[in-house]
N, C-alpha and C. Protein backbone atom coordinates (compact mmCIF):
# COMPACT_ATOMS: atom_id res chain seq x y z
N MET A 1 -32.63 0.39 17.53
CA MET A 1 -31.85 1.52 18.38
C MET A 1 -31.83 2.71 17.32
N LYS A 2 -32.25 3.96 17.88
CA LYS A 2 -32.17 5.15 17.05
C LYS A 2 -30.81 5.87 17.30
N THR A 3 -30.28 6.23 16.18
CA THR A 3 -28.97 6.99 16.25
C THR A 3 -29.18 8.48 15.95
N GLU A 4 -28.46 9.28 16.63
CA GLU A 4 -28.38 10.74 16.33
C GLU A 4 -27.59 11.11 15.08
N PRO A 5 -28.02 11.95 14.26
CA PRO A 5 -27.19 12.34 13.14
C PRO A 5 -25.87 13.03 13.56
N ILE A 6 -24.85 12.78 12.83
CA ILE A 6 -23.55 13.38 13.15
C ILE A 6 -23.47 14.76 12.44
N VAL A 7 -23.34 15.81 13.29
CA VAL A 7 -23.20 17.20 12.88
C VAL A 7 -21.87 17.65 12.90
N LEU A 8 -21.31 17.98 11.78
CA LEU A 8 -19.85 18.47 11.86
C LEU A 8 -19.87 20.00 11.67
N THR A 9 -19.09 20.62 12.55
CA THR A 9 -18.83 22.05 12.43
C THR A 9 -18.01 22.34 11.31
N GLN A 10 -17.91 23.68 10.76
CA GLN A 10 -16.94 23.94 9.82
C GLN A 10 -15.58 23.71 10.09
N MET A 11 -15.24 23.86 11.39
CA MET A 11 -13.81 23.61 11.90
C MET A 11 -13.44 22.08 11.70
N ALA A 12 -14.43 21.22 12.07
CA ALA A 12 -14.24 19.88 11.95
C ALA A 12 -14.03 19.51 10.49
N LEU A 13 -14.91 20.05 9.59
CA LEU A 13 -14.88 19.70 8.18
C LEU A 13 -13.53 20.22 7.71
N ASN A 14 -12.92 21.38 8.08
CA ASN A 14 -11.68 21.83 7.53
C ASN A 14 -10.61 20.92 8.00
N GLY A 15 -10.63 20.40 9.27
CA GLY A 15 -9.68 19.56 9.78
C GLY A 15 -9.67 18.19 9.04
N LEU A 16 -10.91 17.59 8.78
CA LEU A 16 -10.84 16.36 7.93
C LEU A 16 -10.27 16.56 6.72
N ALA A 17 -10.37 17.76 6.01
CA ALA A 17 -9.91 17.91 4.60
C ALA A 17 -8.35 17.97 4.69
N LEU A 18 -7.79 18.34 5.87
CA LEU A 18 -6.37 18.46 6.12
C LEU A 18 -5.80 17.17 6.63
N GLY A 19 -6.62 16.21 7.06
CA GLY A 19 -6.13 14.96 7.61
C GLY A 19 -6.11 14.87 9.08
N PHE A 20 -7.03 15.60 9.81
CA PHE A 20 -7.15 15.43 11.15
C PHE A 20 -8.54 15.53 11.63
N ASP A 21 -9.00 14.82 12.65
CA ASP A 21 -10.38 14.82 13.12
C ASP A 21 -10.37 15.57 14.59
N VAL A 22 -10.92 16.72 14.58
CA VAL A 22 -10.88 17.56 15.72
C VAL A 22 -11.65 16.88 16.85
N GLU A 23 -12.84 16.45 16.45
CA GLU A 23 -13.70 15.78 17.57
C GLU A 23 -13.09 14.56 18.24
N GLN A 24 -12.49 13.77 17.46
CA GLN A 24 -11.85 12.57 18.01
C GLN A 24 -10.41 12.55 18.44
N ARG A 25 -9.89 13.81 18.20
CA ARG A 25 -8.42 14.19 18.37
C ARG A 25 -7.52 13.00 17.69
N THR A 26 -7.86 12.98 16.37
CA THR A 26 -7.14 11.83 15.63
C THR A 26 -6.49 12.65 14.40
N ILE A 27 -5.23 12.27 14.09
CA ILE A 27 -4.60 12.82 12.91
C ILE A 27 -4.02 11.68 12.04
N TYR A 28 -4.12 11.75 10.77
CA TYR A 28 -3.73 10.89 9.97
C TYR A 28 -2.51 11.08 9.02
N LEU A 29 -1.54 10.19 9.02
CA LEU A 29 -0.48 10.21 8.12
C LEU A 29 -0.62 9.12 7.03
N ASN A 30 -1.04 9.50 5.90
CA ASN A 30 -1.28 8.43 4.84
C ASN A 30 -0.62 8.84 3.59
N GLY A 31 0.15 7.90 3.08
CA GLY A 31 0.89 8.17 1.91
C GLY A 31 2.37 8.57 2.11
N PRO A 32 3.05 8.99 0.95
CA PRO A 32 4.50 9.31 0.99
C PRO A 32 4.74 10.59 1.99
N ILE A 33 5.85 10.50 2.66
CA ILE A 33 6.24 11.44 3.48
C ILE A 33 7.17 12.58 2.74
N ASP A 34 6.68 13.74 2.57
CA ASP A 34 7.26 14.84 1.95
C ASP A 34 7.14 16.17 2.58
N THR A 35 7.43 17.26 1.92
CA THR A 35 7.27 18.52 2.58
C THR A 35 5.80 18.86 2.77
N ASN A 36 4.93 18.53 1.77
CA ASN A 36 3.47 18.94 1.96
C ASN A 36 2.88 18.03 2.99
N SER A 37 3.09 16.76 3.04
CA SER A 37 2.44 15.91 4.04
C SER A 37 3.00 16.28 5.40
N THR A 38 4.13 16.68 5.50
CA THR A 38 4.79 17.11 6.81
C THR A 38 4.13 18.37 7.32
N TYR A 39 3.91 19.32 6.46
CA TYR A 39 3.25 20.56 6.68
C TYR A 39 1.80 20.33 7.17
N ARG A 40 1.04 19.41 6.55
CA ARG A 40 -0.22 19.08 6.93
C ARG A 40 -0.36 18.52 8.27
N PHE A 41 0.57 17.47 8.56
CA PHE A 41 0.68 16.73 9.78
C PHE A 41 1.11 17.79 10.89
N VAL A 42 2.07 18.41 10.77
CA VAL A 42 2.54 19.27 11.82
C VAL A 42 1.55 20.32 12.15
N SER A 43 0.88 20.97 11.26
CA SER A 43 -0.06 21.97 11.54
C SER A 43 -1.23 21.45 12.23
N GLY A 44 -1.75 20.27 11.80
CA GLY A 44 -2.88 19.66 12.47
C GLY A 44 -2.45 19.19 13.81
N PHE A 45 -1.26 18.63 14.03
CA PHE A 45 -0.92 18.11 15.26
C PHE A 45 -0.71 19.18 16.29
N LYS A 46 -0.15 20.34 15.87
CA LYS A 46 0.06 21.50 16.75
C LYS A 46 -1.28 21.98 17.20
N PHE A 47 -2.37 22.00 16.32
CA PHE A 47 -3.61 22.32 16.63
C PHE A 47 -4.25 21.57 17.72
N LEU A 48 -4.18 20.25 17.59
CA LEU A 48 -4.70 19.30 18.52
C LEU A 48 -3.88 19.34 19.99
N ASP A 49 -2.63 19.68 19.81
CA ASP A 49 -1.74 19.71 21.03
C ASP A 49 -1.97 20.87 21.93
N ARG A 50 -2.79 21.88 21.43
CA ARG A 50 -3.10 23.02 22.24
C ARG A 50 -4.05 22.70 23.39
N GLN A 51 -4.77 21.66 23.39
CA GLN A 51 -5.60 21.28 24.42
C GLN A 51 -5.12 19.98 25.02
N LYS A 52 -5.42 19.79 26.21
CA LYS A 52 -5.16 18.54 27.02
C LYS A 52 -6.00 17.43 26.53
N GLY A 53 -5.29 16.16 26.38
CA GLY A 53 -5.93 15.04 25.96
C GLY A 53 -4.99 14.23 24.98
N ALA A 54 -5.06 12.93 25.13
CA ALA A 54 -4.23 12.07 24.24
C ALA A 54 -4.65 12.34 22.74
N ILE A 55 -3.59 12.18 21.98
CA ILE A 55 -3.70 12.41 20.45
C ILE A 55 -3.53 11.07 19.79
N HIS A 56 -4.41 10.68 19.01
CA HIS A 56 -4.49 9.39 18.23
C HIS A 56 -3.80 9.64 16.88
N ILE A 57 -2.77 8.92 16.55
CA ILE A 57 -2.05 9.13 15.28
C ILE A 57 -2.27 7.85 14.44
N VAL A 58 -2.79 7.89 13.24
CA VAL A 58 -2.95 6.67 12.33
C VAL A 58 -1.86 6.81 11.31
N VAL A 59 -1.04 5.80 11.17
CA VAL A 59 0.00 5.81 10.21
C VAL A 59 -0.14 4.71 9.16
N ASN A 60 -0.14 5.10 7.96
CA ASN A 60 -0.14 4.22 6.77
C ASN A 60 0.82 4.79 5.67
N SER A 61 2.03 4.51 5.66
CA SER A 61 2.95 5.24 4.82
C SER A 61 4.12 4.43 4.24
N PRO A 62 4.49 4.50 2.95
CA PRO A 62 5.55 3.76 2.41
C PRO A 62 6.99 4.46 2.69
N GLY A 63 6.86 5.59 3.44
CA GLY A 63 8.14 6.37 3.70
C GLY A 63 8.32 7.46 2.78
N GLY A 64 9.56 7.93 2.67
CA GLY A 64 9.84 9.12 1.83
C GLY A 64 11.06 9.75 2.33
N SER A 65 10.92 11.08 2.51
CA SER A 65 12.01 11.93 2.90
C SER A 65 12.24 11.73 4.37
N LEU A 66 13.61 11.24 4.71
CA LEU A 66 13.87 11.01 6.05
C LEU A 66 13.99 12.28 6.84
N ASP A 67 14.49 13.30 6.27
CA ASP A 67 14.48 14.70 6.99
C ASP A 67 13.00 15.03 7.50
N ASP A 68 12.09 14.91 6.62
CA ASP A 68 10.69 15.17 6.97
C ASP A 68 10.11 14.27 7.85
N GLY A 69 10.49 12.89 7.73
CA GLY A 69 10.07 11.93 8.79
C GLY A 69 10.53 12.33 10.13
N LEU A 70 11.77 12.66 10.20
CA LEU A 70 12.45 12.97 11.57
C LEU A 70 11.87 14.25 12.14
N GLY A 71 11.35 15.21 11.24
CA GLY A 71 10.62 16.29 11.60
C GLY A 71 9.33 16.04 12.34
N ILE A 72 8.66 15.03 11.71
CA ILE A 72 7.31 14.64 12.36
C ILE A 72 7.71 13.86 13.63
N TYR A 73 8.76 13.23 13.65
CA TYR A 73 9.20 12.44 14.98
C TYR A 73 9.48 13.35 16.01
N ASP A 74 10.17 14.45 15.75
CA ASP A 74 10.40 15.49 16.73
C ASP A 74 9.13 16.16 17.26
N CYS A 75 8.26 16.41 16.31
CA CYS A 75 6.92 17.01 16.62
C CYS A 75 6.22 16.19 17.65
N ILE A 76 6.10 14.79 17.42
CA ILE A 76 5.39 14.05 18.30
C ILE A 76 6.13 13.81 19.55
N ARG A 77 7.34 13.78 19.62
CA ARG A 77 8.24 13.36 20.83
C ARG A 77 8.09 14.77 21.84
N THR A 78 7.89 15.98 21.23
CA THR A 78 7.88 17.04 22.01
C THR A 78 6.56 17.50 22.37
N SER A 79 5.58 16.63 22.12
CA SER A 79 4.16 16.93 22.35
C SER A 79 3.77 17.09 23.82
N ASN A 80 2.89 18.03 24.24
CA ASN A 80 2.44 18.36 25.63
C ASN A 80 1.62 17.24 26.04
N ASN A 81 0.97 16.32 25.14
CA ASN A 81 0.15 15.28 25.48
C ASN A 81 0.61 13.88 25.18
N PRO A 82 0.08 12.87 25.92
CA PRO A 82 0.49 11.54 25.35
C PRO A 82 -0.04 11.19 23.99
N THR A 83 0.60 10.34 23.35
CA THR A 83 0.24 10.00 21.99
C THR A 83 0.13 8.55 21.78
N VAL A 84 -0.93 8.16 20.96
CA VAL A 84 -1.26 6.72 20.71
C VAL A 84 -1.18 6.68 19.10
N CYS A 85 -0.08 5.90 18.76
CA CYS A 85 0.11 5.58 17.35
C CYS A 85 -0.56 4.34 17.00
N GLU A 86 -1.17 4.32 15.94
CA GLU A 86 -1.85 3.05 15.35
C GLU A 86 -1.37 2.77 13.94
N GLY A 87 -0.87 1.61 13.68
CA GLY A 87 -0.38 1.25 12.44
C GLY A 87 -1.34 0.60 11.57
N ILE A 88 -1.56 0.90 10.32
CA ILE A 88 -2.50 0.24 9.44
C ILE A 88 -1.78 0.11 8.13
N GLY A 89 -2.06 -1.02 7.57
CA GLY A 89 -1.56 -1.30 6.12
C GLY A 89 0.08 -1.51 6.10
N SER A 90 0.77 -0.46 5.73
CA SER A 90 2.23 -0.61 5.58
C SER A 90 2.95 0.62 6.29
N ILE A 91 3.99 0.38 6.99
CA ILE A 91 4.84 1.41 7.54
C ILE A 91 6.16 1.06 7.23
N ALA A 92 6.72 1.94 6.37
CA ALA A 92 8.11 1.58 5.90
C ALA A 92 9.07 2.67 5.85
N SER A 93 10.33 2.44 5.85
CA SER A 93 11.41 3.40 5.73
C SER A 93 11.31 4.68 6.69
N ALA A 94 11.17 5.86 6.18
CA ALA A 94 11.12 7.01 6.89
C ALA A 94 9.85 7.04 7.88
N ALA A 95 8.93 6.32 7.52
CA ALA A 95 7.57 6.31 8.35
C ALA A 95 7.84 5.54 9.62
N VAL A 96 8.87 4.68 9.74
CA VAL A 96 9.02 3.81 10.88
C VAL A 96 9.37 4.74 12.20
N PRO A 97 10.27 5.75 12.14
CA PRO A 97 10.53 6.57 13.28
C PRO A 97 9.23 7.42 13.74
N VAL A 98 8.31 7.82 12.71
CA VAL A 98 7.18 8.48 13.13
C VAL A 98 6.25 7.54 13.92
N PHE A 99 6.07 6.31 13.53
CA PHE A 99 5.30 5.36 14.30
C PHE A 99 5.81 5.16 15.65
N LEU A 100 7.15 4.86 15.70
CA LEU A 100 7.87 4.73 16.97
C LEU A 100 7.89 5.80 17.99
N ALA A 101 7.58 6.99 17.47
CA ALA A 101 7.61 8.26 18.32
C ALA A 101 6.44 8.14 19.37
N GLY A 102 5.39 7.36 19.12
CA GLY A 102 4.21 7.40 19.97
C GLY A 102 4.52 6.95 21.43
N THR A 103 3.65 7.37 22.33
CA THR A 103 3.93 6.93 23.66
C THR A 103 3.53 5.54 23.88
N VAL A 104 2.40 5.13 23.16
CA VAL A 104 2.10 3.66 23.00
C VAL A 104 1.75 3.45 21.61
N ARG A 105 2.08 2.16 21.11
CA ARG A 105 1.98 1.85 19.80
C ARG A 105 1.22 0.55 19.48
N PHE A 106 0.18 0.67 18.71
CA PHE A 106 -0.69 -0.49 18.32
C PHE A 106 -0.57 -0.70 16.85
N LEU A 107 -0.74 -2.06 16.55
CA LEU A 107 -0.80 -2.41 15.12
C LEU A 107 -2.09 -3.16 14.80
N ASN A 108 -2.69 -2.91 13.57
CA ASN A 108 -3.60 -3.77 13.14
C ASN A 108 -3.05 -5.16 12.63
N PRO A 109 -3.87 -6.12 12.70
CA PRO A 109 -3.26 -7.63 12.56
C PRO A 109 -2.44 -7.76 11.25
N GLU A 110 -2.93 -7.14 10.08
CA GLU A 110 -2.28 -7.45 8.89
C GLU A 110 -1.23 -6.26 8.47
N THR A 111 -0.88 -5.40 9.46
CA THR A 111 0.17 -4.36 9.28
C THR A 111 1.57 -4.85 9.15
N ARG A 112 2.35 -4.37 8.36
CA ARG A 112 3.77 -4.78 8.20
C ARG A 112 4.63 -3.54 8.25
N ILE A 113 5.75 -3.78 8.82
CA ILE A 113 6.77 -2.76 9.00
C ILE A 113 8.01 -3.10 8.30
N MET A 114 8.68 -2.18 7.55
CA MET A 114 9.84 -2.53 6.70
C MET A 114 10.89 -1.30 7.17
N VAL A 115 12.17 -1.88 7.37
CA VAL A 115 13.31 -0.99 7.57
C VAL A 115 14.46 -1.23 6.55
N HIS A 116 15.08 -0.18 6.28
CA HIS A 116 16.30 -0.48 5.46
C HIS A 116 17.25 0.86 5.49
N ASN A 117 18.31 0.83 4.99
CA ASN A 117 19.23 1.96 4.90
C ASN A 117 18.82 3.04 4.03
N LEU A 118 19.25 4.16 4.22
CA LEU A 118 18.99 5.51 3.32
C LEU A 118 19.56 5.32 2.04
N SER A 119 19.01 5.76 0.98
CA SER A 119 19.56 5.82 -0.26
C SER A 119 19.15 7.16 -0.95
N TYR A 120 20.02 7.60 -1.89
CA TYR A 120 19.86 8.87 -2.64
C TYR A 120 19.74 8.57 -4.17
N GLU A 121 18.76 9.28 -4.77
CA GLU A 121 18.68 9.28 -6.28
C GLU A 121 19.27 10.46 -6.81
N ILE A 122 20.25 10.16 -7.80
CA ILE A 122 21.01 11.20 -8.34
C ILE A 122 20.79 11.35 -9.79
N ASP A 123 20.24 12.43 -10.29
CA ASP A 123 20.04 12.69 -11.77
C ASP A 123 21.24 13.33 -12.30
N GLY A 124 21.75 12.70 -13.45
CA GLY A 124 22.77 13.34 -14.24
C GLY A 124 24.04 13.03 -13.55
N SER A 125 25.20 13.65 -14.02
CA SER A 125 26.55 13.41 -13.46
C SER A 125 26.93 14.49 -12.31
N VAL A 126 27.64 13.93 -11.27
CA VAL A 126 27.98 14.80 -10.16
C VAL A 126 29.50 14.63 -10.00
N GLY A 127 30.11 15.78 -9.43
CA GLY A 127 31.53 15.55 -9.18
C GLY A 127 31.85 14.73 -8.00
N THR A 128 33.14 14.60 -7.92
CA THR A 128 33.69 13.69 -6.69
C THR A 128 33.30 14.38 -5.27
N PRO A 129 33.63 15.75 -5.23
CA PRO A 129 33.33 16.33 -3.98
C PRO A 129 31.75 16.16 -3.51
N VAL A 130 30.81 16.22 -4.54
CA VAL A 130 29.41 15.98 -4.21
C VAL A 130 29.23 14.62 -3.68
N MET A 131 29.88 13.63 -4.43
CA MET A 131 29.70 12.30 -3.98
C MET A 131 30.22 12.04 -2.65
N LEU A 132 31.35 12.58 -2.29
CA LEU A 132 31.95 12.34 -1.04
C LEU A 132 31.15 12.90 0.06
N SER A 133 30.46 14.18 -0.09
CA SER A 133 29.52 14.73 0.79
C SER A 133 28.33 14.06 0.99
N LEU A 134 27.80 13.43 -0.21
CA LEU A 134 26.65 12.58 -0.03
C LEU A 134 26.77 11.35 0.84
N GLY A 135 28.07 10.87 0.47
CA GLY A 135 28.51 9.56 1.17
C GLY A 135 28.50 9.90 2.76
N LYS A 136 29.03 10.93 3.14
CA LYS A 136 29.15 11.26 4.67
C LYS A 136 27.74 11.56 5.14
N GLU A 137 26.90 12.20 4.43
CA GLU A 137 25.61 12.59 5.00
C GLU A 137 24.67 11.35 4.89
N THR A 138 24.99 10.40 4.05
CA THR A 138 24.08 9.19 4.10
C THR A 138 24.63 8.33 5.36
N GLU A 139 25.85 8.34 5.65
CA GLU A 139 26.42 7.53 6.74
C GLU A 139 25.82 8.25 8.13
N ARG A 140 25.79 9.48 8.14
CA ARG A 140 25.34 10.07 9.36
C ARG A 140 23.94 9.92 9.56
N SER A 141 23.07 10.06 8.54
CA SER A 141 21.61 9.80 8.51
C SER A 141 21.29 8.35 8.86
N ASN A 142 21.95 7.44 8.20
CA ASN A 142 21.76 6.07 8.62
C ASN A 142 22.06 5.71 10.15
N LYS A 143 23.12 6.36 10.60
CA LYS A 143 23.54 6.23 11.96
C LYS A 143 22.32 6.72 12.83
N ARG A 144 21.75 7.88 12.60
CA ARG A 144 20.65 8.51 13.48
C ARG A 144 19.38 7.57 13.26
N TYR A 145 19.12 7.18 12.10
CA TYR A 145 17.97 6.20 11.85
C TYR A 145 18.19 4.95 12.76
N HIS A 146 19.32 4.27 12.72
CA HIS A 146 19.53 3.15 13.55
C HIS A 146 19.40 3.46 14.97
N GLU A 147 19.91 4.53 15.46
CA GLU A 147 19.88 4.94 16.95
C GLU A 147 18.35 5.08 17.34
N ILE A 148 17.59 5.86 16.51
CA ILE A 148 16.20 5.84 16.94
C ILE A 148 15.47 4.58 16.97
N ILE A 149 15.56 3.75 16.07
CA ILE A 149 15.02 2.48 16.04
C ILE A 149 15.47 1.65 17.30
N ALA A 150 16.67 1.70 17.52
CA ALA A 150 17.28 0.83 18.69
C ALA A 150 16.66 1.45 19.99
N SER A 151 16.73 2.76 20.26
CA SER A 151 16.31 3.25 21.39
C SER A 151 14.70 3.14 21.70
N ARG A 152 13.96 3.13 20.64
CA ARG A 152 12.49 3.01 20.78
C ARG A 152 12.05 1.57 20.84
N THR A 153 12.86 0.56 20.28
CA THR A 153 12.42 -0.88 20.36
C THR A 153 13.21 -1.55 21.39
N GLY A 154 14.22 -1.07 21.96
CA GLY A 154 14.98 -1.69 23.00
C GLY A 154 15.99 -2.81 22.47
N ARG A 155 16.15 -2.82 21.16
CA ARG A 155 17.04 -3.78 20.52
C ARG A 155 18.43 -3.09 20.24
N SER A 156 19.51 -3.80 20.15
CA SER A 156 20.80 -3.36 20.01
C SER A 156 21.09 -2.67 18.67
N ILE A 157 22.01 -1.81 18.76
CA ILE A 157 22.39 -1.17 17.43
C ILE A 157 22.83 -2.18 16.44
N ARG A 158 23.50 -3.24 16.79
CA ARG A 158 23.91 -4.24 15.87
C ARG A 158 22.81 -4.93 15.33
N ASP A 159 21.83 -5.15 16.09
CA ASP A 159 20.62 -5.79 15.43
C ASP A 159 19.98 -4.91 14.40
N VAL A 160 19.91 -3.68 14.75
CA VAL A 160 19.21 -2.70 13.84
C VAL A 160 20.08 -2.56 12.55
N GLU A 161 21.40 -2.53 12.65
CA GLU A 161 22.29 -2.46 11.49
C GLU A 161 22.13 -3.71 10.60
N ARG A 162 22.02 -4.87 11.17
CA ARG A 162 21.76 -6.05 10.41
C ARG A 162 20.47 -5.94 9.65
N TRP A 163 19.42 -5.68 10.29
CA TRP A 163 18.05 -5.44 9.67
C TRP A 163 18.09 -4.58 8.45
N CYS A 164 18.85 -3.47 8.58
CA CYS A 164 18.77 -2.34 7.64
C CYS A 164 19.89 -2.55 6.36
N GLN A 165 20.61 -3.67 6.57
CA GLN A 165 21.50 -3.95 5.36
C GLN A 165 20.74 -4.27 4.09
N GLU A 166 19.45 -4.79 4.27
CA GLU A 166 18.58 -5.04 3.20
C GLU A 166 17.27 -4.58 3.58
N GLU A 167 16.29 -4.75 2.65
CA GLU A 167 14.81 -4.50 3.18
C GLU A 167 14.34 -5.52 3.99
N THR A 168 14.10 -5.38 5.28
CA THR A 168 13.67 -6.31 6.25
C THR A 168 12.18 -5.98 6.67
N TYR A 169 11.34 -7.01 6.35
CA TYR A 169 9.89 -6.85 6.70
C TYR A 169 9.58 -7.60 7.98
N PHE A 170 8.67 -7.01 8.69
CA PHE A 170 8.26 -7.52 10.06
C PHE A 170 6.74 -7.75 9.93
N THR A 171 6.14 -8.83 10.32
CA THR A 171 4.63 -9.05 10.43
C THR A 171 4.28 -8.33 11.80
N ALA A 172 2.95 -8.12 11.99
CA ALA A 172 2.51 -7.45 13.24
C ALA A 172 3.02 -8.21 14.50
N THR A 173 2.88 -9.58 14.40
CA THR A 173 3.41 -10.38 15.51
C THR A 173 4.95 -10.16 15.79
N GLU A 174 5.77 -10.17 14.70
CA GLU A 174 7.16 -9.99 14.83
C GLU A 174 7.52 -8.52 15.24
N CYS A 175 6.72 -7.67 14.94
CA CYS A 175 6.85 -6.29 15.39
C CYS A 175 6.76 -6.17 16.95
N VAL A 176 5.75 -6.88 17.48
CA VAL A 176 5.55 -6.96 18.92
C VAL A 176 6.82 -7.67 19.59
N LEU A 177 7.13 -8.78 19.01
CA LEU A 177 8.38 -9.44 19.55
C LEU A 177 9.57 -8.71 19.66
N ASN A 178 9.68 -7.80 18.59
CA ASN A 178 11.04 -7.07 18.40
C ASN A 178 10.94 -5.54 18.96
N GLY A 179 9.80 -5.32 19.67
CA GLY A 179 9.71 -4.01 20.34
C GLY A 179 9.21 -2.88 19.42
N PHE A 180 8.83 -3.15 18.19
CA PHE A 180 8.17 -2.05 17.39
C PHE A 180 6.84 -1.57 17.82
N ALA A 181 6.06 -2.56 18.30
CA ALA A 181 4.67 -2.18 18.82
C ALA A 181 4.47 -2.88 20.27
N ASP A 182 3.46 -2.32 20.88
CA ASP A 182 3.04 -2.72 22.20
C ASP A 182 2.10 -3.92 22.13
N LYS A 183 1.18 -3.80 21.15
CA LYS A 183 0.00 -4.59 21.11
C LYS A 183 -0.52 -4.76 19.56
N ILE A 184 -1.17 -5.95 19.25
CA ILE A 184 -1.90 -6.06 18.09
C ILE A 184 -3.32 -5.93 18.41
N LEU A 185 -4.04 -5.05 17.80
CA LEU A 185 -5.46 -4.85 18.03
C LEU A 185 -6.28 -6.10 17.69
N ASP A 186 -7.16 -6.33 18.47
CA ASP A 186 -8.11 -7.58 18.27
C ASP A 186 -9.13 -7.33 17.13
N VAL A 187 -9.43 -8.32 16.43
CA VAL A 187 -10.32 -8.32 15.34
C VAL A 187 -11.73 -8.62 16.02
N ARG A 188 -12.64 -7.72 15.90
CA ARG A 188 -13.96 -7.88 16.47
C ARG A 188 -14.75 -8.89 15.58
N PRO A 189 -15.10 -10.05 16.19
CA PRO A 189 -15.86 -11.06 15.40
C PRO A 189 -17.27 -10.62 15.11
N PHE A 190 -17.75 -10.95 14.01
CA PHE A 190 -19.06 -10.66 13.50
C PHE A 190 -20.04 -11.66 14.29
N PRO A 191 -21.11 -11.26 14.77
CA PRO A 191 -22.09 -12.16 15.48
C PRO A 191 -22.41 -13.37 14.53
N LYS A 192 -22.63 -14.44 15.19
CA LYS A 192 -22.97 -15.75 14.41
C LYS A 192 -24.36 -15.56 13.76
N ASN A 193 -25.14 -14.91 14.62
CA ASN A 193 -26.45 -14.68 14.01
C ASN A 193 -26.47 -13.46 13.00
N PHE A 194 -26.74 -13.68 11.83
CA PHE A 194 -26.59 -12.70 10.73
C PHE A 194 -27.51 -11.37 10.99
N ASP A 195 -28.74 -11.76 11.37
CA ASP A 195 -29.76 -10.74 11.71
C ASP A 195 -29.21 -9.84 12.87
N GLU A 196 -28.64 -10.48 13.86
CA GLU A 196 -28.16 -9.71 14.95
C GLU A 196 -26.99 -8.85 14.62
N GLY A 197 -26.04 -9.40 13.66
CA GLY A 197 -25.02 -8.60 13.23
C GLY A 197 -25.38 -7.37 12.38
N MET A 198 -26.32 -7.54 11.51
CA MET A 198 -26.76 -6.46 10.68
C MET A 198 -27.61 -5.49 11.46
N THR A 199 -28.24 -5.85 12.58
CA THR A 199 -28.89 -4.75 13.41
C THR A 199 -27.84 -3.88 14.12
N GLU A 200 -26.78 -4.65 14.53
CA GLU A 200 -25.65 -3.85 15.24
C GLU A 200 -25.07 -2.86 14.19
N VAL A 201 -24.74 -3.27 13.01
CA VAL A 201 -24.15 -2.34 11.98
C VAL A 201 -25.09 -1.31 11.73
N GLN A 202 -26.38 -1.45 11.59
CA GLN A 202 -27.36 -0.55 11.14
C GLN A 202 -27.57 0.61 12.23
N SER A 203 -27.31 -0.03 13.52
CA SER A 203 -27.47 0.99 14.63
C SER A 203 -26.33 1.96 14.59
N VAL A 204 -25.21 1.60 14.06
CA VAL A 204 -24.08 2.51 13.98
C VAL A 204 -24.09 3.37 12.78
N TRP A 205 -24.41 2.84 11.65
CA TRP A 205 -24.32 3.60 10.38
C TRP A 205 -25.63 4.17 9.99
N GLY A 206 -26.77 3.63 10.43
CA GLY A 206 -28.20 4.15 10.12
C GLY A 206 -28.60 3.36 8.98
N ARG A 207 -29.90 3.03 9.03
CA ARG A 207 -30.54 2.21 7.97
C ARG A 207 -30.39 2.73 6.59
N ASN A 208 -30.40 4.13 6.51
CA ASN A 208 -30.34 4.66 5.11
C ASN A 208 -29.05 4.23 4.30
N HIS A 209 -28.08 3.61 5.00
CA HIS A 209 -26.82 3.25 4.36
C HIS A 209 -27.10 1.81 3.64
N PHE A 210 -28.23 1.27 3.91
CA PHE A 210 -28.26 -0.11 3.51
C PHE A 210 -29.70 -0.28 2.77
N THR A 211 -29.72 -1.12 1.76
CA THR A 211 -30.88 -1.29 1.08
C THR A 211 -31.31 -2.75 1.22
N THR A 212 -32.51 -3.03 1.70
CA THR A 212 -33.00 -4.30 1.98
C THR A 212 -33.61 -4.90 0.64
N VAL A 213 -33.20 -5.89 0.18
CA VAL A 213 -33.76 -6.53 -1.02
C VAL A 213 -34.62 -7.64 -0.74
N GLU A 214 -35.94 -7.45 -0.97
CA GLU A 214 -36.79 -8.52 -0.66
C GLU A 214 -37.00 -9.46 -1.85
N PRO A 215 -37.03 -10.81 -1.47
CA PRO A 215 -37.11 -11.72 -2.60
C PRO A 215 -38.31 -11.52 -3.44
N ALA A 216 -38.23 -11.73 -4.83
CA ALA A 216 -39.33 -11.49 -5.67
C ALA A 216 -40.35 -12.54 -5.34
N LYS A 217 -41.57 -11.86 -5.38
CA LYS A 217 -42.70 -12.83 -5.07
C LYS A 217 -43.23 -13.39 -6.48
N LYS A 218 -43.50 -14.70 -6.44
CA LYS A 218 -44.03 -15.34 -7.71
C LYS A 218 -45.51 -14.87 -8.02
N LYS A 219 -45.63 -14.48 -9.23
CA LYS A 219 -46.97 -14.05 -9.62
C LYS A 219 -47.89 -15.29 -9.88
N LYS A 220 -49.05 -15.17 -9.37
CA LYS A 220 -49.94 -16.27 -9.59
C LYS A 220 -50.64 -15.94 -11.05
N THR A 221 -50.64 -17.08 -11.78
CA THR A 221 -51.33 -16.81 -13.02
C THR A 221 -52.65 -17.71 -13.06
N ALA A 222 -53.61 -17.06 -13.49
CA ALA A 222 -54.96 -17.74 -13.51
C ALA A 222 -55.03 -18.66 -14.64
N LYS A 223 -55.49 -19.91 -14.33
CA LYS A 223 -55.55 -20.90 -15.29
C LYS A 223 -56.74 -20.74 -16.19
N LYS A 224 -56.56 -20.78 -17.52
CA LYS A 224 -57.80 -20.63 -18.41
C LYS A 224 -58.58 -21.86 -18.52
N LYS A 225 -59.83 -21.80 -18.33
CA LYS A 225 -60.67 -22.86 -18.46
C LYS A 225 -61.06 -23.19 -19.84
N GLY A 226 -60.68 -24.41 -20.32
CA GLY A 226 -61.09 -24.74 -21.67
C GLY A 226 -62.53 -24.90 -21.90
N LYS A 227 -63.06 -24.60 -23.15
CA LYS A 227 -64.34 -24.77 -23.55
C LYS A 227 -64.71 -26.31 -23.85
N LYS A 228 -65.84 -26.80 -23.38
CA LYS A 228 -66.20 -28.19 -23.58
C LYS A 228 -66.85 -28.26 -25.00
């Protein structure tokens, strides 16, 4: 089967460099959530959202800033288009609301989700007023985090609060059972016939990606005739 070469426009190349695929209407959130990753995500998402069509969001993140995570959550929830979130690898902490924002949510088989309560890192010494302020803000942020998880999973606030008392991990199957995801993506089996499978792979990627190694042929050595 002959495949056509993939030609990427400059716009598509620029998009891929920023973490989104214009042609496939796919955007990637990979790595920690901070101001920079939020800027890249929101700018790419808003660009894709200008035209009609579902937007595919691939999430693989250990979390990070909850404020930035909730900013991405709002961006997805206020989209003009339906969104399909796909989880791969690990989705933890502040990345969980991002994944839950999708209209539909799928997980790859080995993906795990982790939830826990918010924590702050403090460098140096701080006064009592600052500590009290941080305590109130932490309580308020945790409350909102719990509410979003409860509303998007269908579980009770009490369940979510219990999960978040410590780092609680869910397998892909447990995520579906607890409302984090709608479905686990199927693993596509490789054909039993190896030659058939390689033909299929090469039809997608092109034969130039593979090097066929032929078995070494044994050299025939001429036998020397001895003199009588």
